[in-house]
Amino acid sequence: MWRARGDATFAKSHALENKLMSDMNQDPAEISAPTPPVSFDSFDLPELMLATLAREGLVAPTPIQAMSIPLLLEGRDLIGLAQTGTGKTAAFLLPLMTHLGYSAAVRAGQPPKALILAPTRELANQIEQNVSKLSADLNIRHLAVFGGARYDAQIRGLRRGVDIVVATPGRLEDLMDRGAFDPSGITHFVLDEADHMLDLGFYPPIKRIAASLPRTRQTMLFSATMPPEIETLAKQFLTDPAHV
């Protein structure tokens, strides 16, 4: 939540009123985004996480991070229009891991708390590497599951108990069929590169997976484009989402 610091008194200005009215009638896409915070310290993130960010040389948030993180920390569902390379992964991981906490050890067989779906094994691996890096000082366990890898190793990993699962839709659906993935504990659900997942024909497994999750979850959808199919997907799975 942003709060003004100090009190200020403004004289009535017709020029200012005209400027504000002009902005209100302007296309939102033409209005410049607010200046991003100069530091991650501006956000209500754990001290250990801030220390990790500083150690990794991550000091100033990118625009997508500056807009997304405060909303996600408030618990809002969110639709983010963002290309690869804009920092969108940290935009959802930092609030997600802040909400999960890091004080209690994961018990064997404990259901995962967060599920991140990605279209390819390469992206799933990349996201899990980011989870590993950003949670280096936190007690958060994570696992990536995707096709082309042995089922038994992934099933053992799930049975040991994890906080965050990063998965491709097809492999996760297979693990659900085998009774290896318990969705009952999911509090945070992320659809990353949603347009790419739909291009690959993953709508049926995504719909089935989403339907199995608790309705009280927080859901985040990130996409490079916003075709009608993505808008339909968002209406099905998100509740009053913020748009960035």
Foldseek 3Di string as FASTA:
>chain_A
DDDDPDDDDDDDDPVVVVVVVVVVPDDPVPDDDDDADQFPVVDPADPVLSVLCVVVVNTTAFPLLRVQQVCVLVVFAAEEQDDPPRCVLCSPLRSVDRVVAADDAFAFQDAAAEEEEDADQVVLVVSVVVNCSSCVVGNFFEEEDEPPDDPVVVLNSLRRGGHYYYYYLVRVVVCVVVVSHQQENYQEYEYEQVVVNVVVVNPVSVVVSLVRHDLNHHYYYYHNDCPPVNVVVCVVRHDPHDYD
